[in-house]
C-alpha atoms as a PDB file:
ATOM      1  CA  MET A   1      96.290  21.343 -54.212  1.00  0.00           C
ATOM      2  CA  LYS A   2      94.923  24.807 -53.942  1.00  0.00           C
ATOM      3  CA  LEU A   3      93.752  26.438 -56.920  1.00  0.00           C
ATOM      4  CA  ASN A   4      96.434  29.343 -56.704  1.00  0.00           C
ATOM      5  CA  GLU A   5      99.118  26.799 -56.465  1.00  0.00           C
ATOM      6  CA  TYR A   6      98.127  25.108 -59.461  1.00  0.00           C
ATOM      7  CA  GLN A   7      97.885  28.445 -61.306  1.00  0.00           C
ATOM      8  CA  ILE A   8     101.356  29.364 -60.350  1.00  0.00           C
ATOM      9  CA  ALA A   9     102.855  25.967 -61.340  1.00  0.00           C
ATOM     10  CA  ALA A  10     100.872  25.613 -64.691  1.00  0.00           C
ATOM     11  CA  TYR A  11     101.850  28.993 -65.668  1.00  0.00           C
ATOM     12  CA  GLU A  12     105.600  27.781 -65.899  1.00  0.00           C
ATOM     13  CA  PHE A  13     104.388  25.891 -68.843  1.00  0.00           C
ATOM     14  CA  ALA A  14     103.257  29.203 -70.701  1.00  0.00           C
ATOM     15  CA  GLU A  15     105.437  29.500 -73.866  1.00  0.00           C
ATOM     16  CA  TYR A  16     103.390  31.790 -76.194  1.00  0.00           C
ATOM     17  CA  GLN A  17     104.229  35.270 -77.659  1.00  0.00           C
ATOM     18  CA  ASP A  18     100.731  36.469 -78.027  1.00  0.00           C
ATOM     19  CA  LYS A  19      98.344  36.921 -74.930  1.00  0.00           C
ATOM     20  CA  PHE A  20      95.651  36.081 -77.219  1.00  0.00           C
ATOM     21  CA  TYR A  21      96.754  32.466 -77.536  1.00  0.00           C
ATOM     22  CA  PRO A  22      95.247  30.915 -74.289  1.00  0.00           C
ATOM     23  CA  VAL A  23      92.084  33.022 -75.438  1.00  0.00           C
ATOM     24  CA  ALA A  24      91.620  31.251 -78.615  1.00  0.00           C
ATOM     25  CA  SER A  25      92.806  28.082 -77.297  1.00  0.00           C
ATOM     26  CA  LEU A  26      90.274  28.129 -74.521  1.00  0.00           C
ATOM     27  CA  MET A  27      87.323  28.328 -76.914  1.00  0.00           C
ATOM     28  CA  ILE A  28      88.930  25.211 -78.780  1.00  0.00           C
ATOM     29  CA  GLU A  29      89.683  23.039 -75.744  1.00  0.00           C
ATOM     30  CA  ALA A  30      85.995  23.798 -74.279  1.00  0.00           C
ATOM     31  CA  ALA A  31      84.447  22.459 -77.481  1.00  0.00           C
ATOM     32  CA  GLU A  32      86.591  19.441 -77.340  1.00  0.00           C
ATOM     33  CA  LEU A  33      85.463  18.806 -73.735  1.00  0.00           C
ATOM     34  CA  ALA A  34      81.992  19.486 -74.698  1.00  0.00           C
ATOM     35  CA  ASP A  35      82.319  17.199 -77.819  1.00  0.00           C
ATOM     36  CA  LEU A  36      83.134  14.277 -75.419  1.00  0.00           C
ATOM     37  CA  PHE A  37      79.512  14.513 -74.159  1.00  0.00           C
ATOM     38  CA  ALA A  38      77.599  16.020 -77.096  1.00  0.00           C
ATOM     39  CA  LYS A  39      78.268  13.368 -79.650  1.00  0.00           C
ATOM     40  CA  PRO A  40      76.875  10.547 -77.635  1.00  0.00           C
ATOM     41  CA  TRP A  41      74.155  12.592 -76.453  1.00  0.00           C
ATOM     42  CA  LEU A  42      73.096  13.583 -80.039  1.00  0.00           C
ATOM     43  CA  ARG A  43      73.340   9.779 -81.059  1.00  0.00           C
ATOM     44  CA  GLY A  44      71.267   8.915 -78.212  1.00  0.00           C
ATOM     45  CA  ASP A  45      73.795   6.445 -76.756  1.00  0.00           C
ATOM     46  CA  SER A  46      76.498   6.454 -73.886  1.00  0.00           C
ATOM     47  CA  ASP A  47      78.924   4.175 -75.984  1.00  0.00           C
ATOM     48  CA  GLY A  48      81.286   7.076 -76.883  1.00  0.00           C
ATOM     49  CA  ILE A  49      81.509   8.268 -73.069  1.00  0.00           C
ATOM     50  CA  ASP A  50      84.937   7.273 -71.725  1.00  0.00           C
ATOM     51  CA  PRO A  51      84.139   4.961 -68.848  1.00  0.00           C
ATOM     52  CA  GLU A  52      87.444   5.835 -67.062  1.00  0.00           C
ATOM     53  CA  HIS A  53      87.028   9.542 -67.866  1.00  0.00           C
ATOM     54  CA  LYS A  54      90.777   9.768 -69.037  1.00  0.00           C
ATOM     55  CA  CYS A  55      89.620  11.779 -71.967  1.00  0.00           C
ATOM     56  CA  VAL A  56      87.415  14.196 -69.751  1.00  0.00           C
ATOM     57  CA  LEU A  57      90.322  14.606 -67.471  1.00  0.00           C
ATOM     58  CA  GLY A  58      92.772  15.385 -70.160  1.00  0.00           C
ATOM     59  CA  GLU A  59      90.264  17.871 -72.037  1.00  0.00           C
ATOM     60  CA  ALA A  60      89.174  19.438 -68.607  1.00  0.00           C
ATOM     61  CA  GLY A  61      92.897  19.775 -67.611  1.00  0.00           C
ATOM     62  CA  ASP A  62      93.492  21.643 -70.963  1.00  0.00           C
ATOM     63  CA  VAL A  63      90.403  24.042 -70.184  1.00  0.00           C
ATOM     64  CA  LEU A  64      91.788  24.462 -66.860  1.00  0.00           C
ATOM     65  CA  TRP A  65      95.316  25.276 -68.073  1.00  0.00           C
ATOM     66  CA  GLN A  66      94.174  27.918 -70.870  1.00  0.00           C
ATOM     67  CA  LEU A  67      91.973  29.697 -68.006  1.00  0.00           C
ATOM     68  CA  CYS A  68      94.849  29.813 -65.785  1.00  0.00           C
ATOM     69  CA  ALA A  69      96.969  31.301 -68.459  1.00  0.00           C
ATOM     70  CA  ILE A  70      94.516  33.967 -69.133  1.00  0.00           C
ATOM     71  CA  LEU A  71      93.880  34.781 -65.580  1.00  0.00           C
ATOM     72  CA  SER A  72      97.764  34.841 -65.033  1.00  0.00           C
ATOM     73  CA  ASP A  73      98.284  37.212 -67.869  1.00  0.00           C
ATOM     74  CA  GLN A  74      95.744  39.576 -66.287  1.00  0.00           C
ATOM     75  CA  GLY A  75      97.034  39.322 -62.656  1.00  0.00           C
ATOM     76  CA  ILE A  76      94.003  37.359 -61.502  1.00  0.00           C
ATOM     77  CA  PRO A  77      94.162  34.741 -59.040  1.00  0.00           C
ATOM     78  CA  LEU A  78      92.030  31.643 -59.791  1.00  0.00           C
ATOM     79  CA  GLU A  79      90.857  31.525 -56.095  1.00  0.00           C
ATOM     80  CA  GLU A  80      89.424  34.935 -56.479  1.00  0.00           C
ATOM     81  CA  VAL A  81      87.558  33.921 -59.500  1.00  0.00           C
ATOM     82  CA  ALA A  82      86.244  30.904 -57.700  1.00  0.00           C
ATOM     83  CA  ALA A  83      85.120  32.891 -54.622  1.00  0.00           C
ATOM     84  CA  TYR A  84      83.388  35.426 -56.916  1.00  0.00           C
ATOM     85  CA  ASN A  85      81.653  32.783 -58.739  1.00  0.00           C
ATOM     86  CA  LEU A  86      80.371  31.122 -55.578  1.00  0.00           C
ATOM     87  CA  GLN A  87      79.105  34.496 -54.185  1.00  0.00           C
ATOM     88  CA  LYS A  88      77.153  35.218 -57.534  1.00  0.00           C
ATOM     89  CA  LEU A  89      75.586  31.636 -57.588  1.00  0.00           C
ATOM     90  CA  ARG A  90      74.617  32.091 -53.884  1.00  0.00           C
ATOM     91  CA  ARG A  91      73.081  35.548 -54.516  1.00  0.00           C
ATOM     92  CA  ARG A  92      71.147  34.044 -57.565  1.00  0.00           C
ATOM     93  CA  LYS A  93      70.071  31.032 -55.310  1.00  0.00           C
ATOM     94  CA  VAL A  94      68.607  33.566 -52.604  1.00  0.00           C
ATOM     95  CA  ASN A  95      67.108  35.618 -55.292  1.00  0.00           C
ATOM     96  CA  GLY A  96      65.519  32.800 -57.191  1.00  0.00           C
ATOM     97  CA  THR A  97      67.220  33.670 -60.215  1.00  0.00           C
ATOM     98  CA  ILE A  98      69.584  30.704 -60.585  1.00  0.00           C
ATOM     99  CA  LYS A  99      67.480  29.222 -63.416  1.00  0.00           C
ATOM    100  CA  GLY A 100      67.158  32.709 -65.159  1.00  0.00           C
ATOM    101  CA  SER A 101      68.856  34.020 -68.289  1.00  0.00           C
ATOM    102  CA  GLY A 102      71.142  36.862 -68.959  1.00  0.00           C
ATOM    103  CA  GLY A 103      73.719  38.434 -66.802  1.00  0.00           C
ATOM    104  CA  ASN A 104      71.747  40.775 -64.624  1.00  0.00           C
ATOM    105  CA  ARG A 105      69.960  38.185 -62.156  1.00  0.00           C
END
């Protein structure tokens, strides 16, 4: 499936009144995804990591949906974001700044 196809199909499930809803929800869903890895890491074990990745798929899907909703509300195709991001990463790699910090690398 192409990214824009997913974005269009996923947006059919957008049932919110305020465009801030997916913005706030993205922060929550991203934290839930990170938590799947952070808690086992903090404990120093891997017992909490789902070996079949069902939880990871679920939370990552929630993050993706919220991101797509935000972008759809702004009229921005997900494939455009992906292409822009790859260009930025390539530029940083060429410039030797991929491990740097800050936005202006």
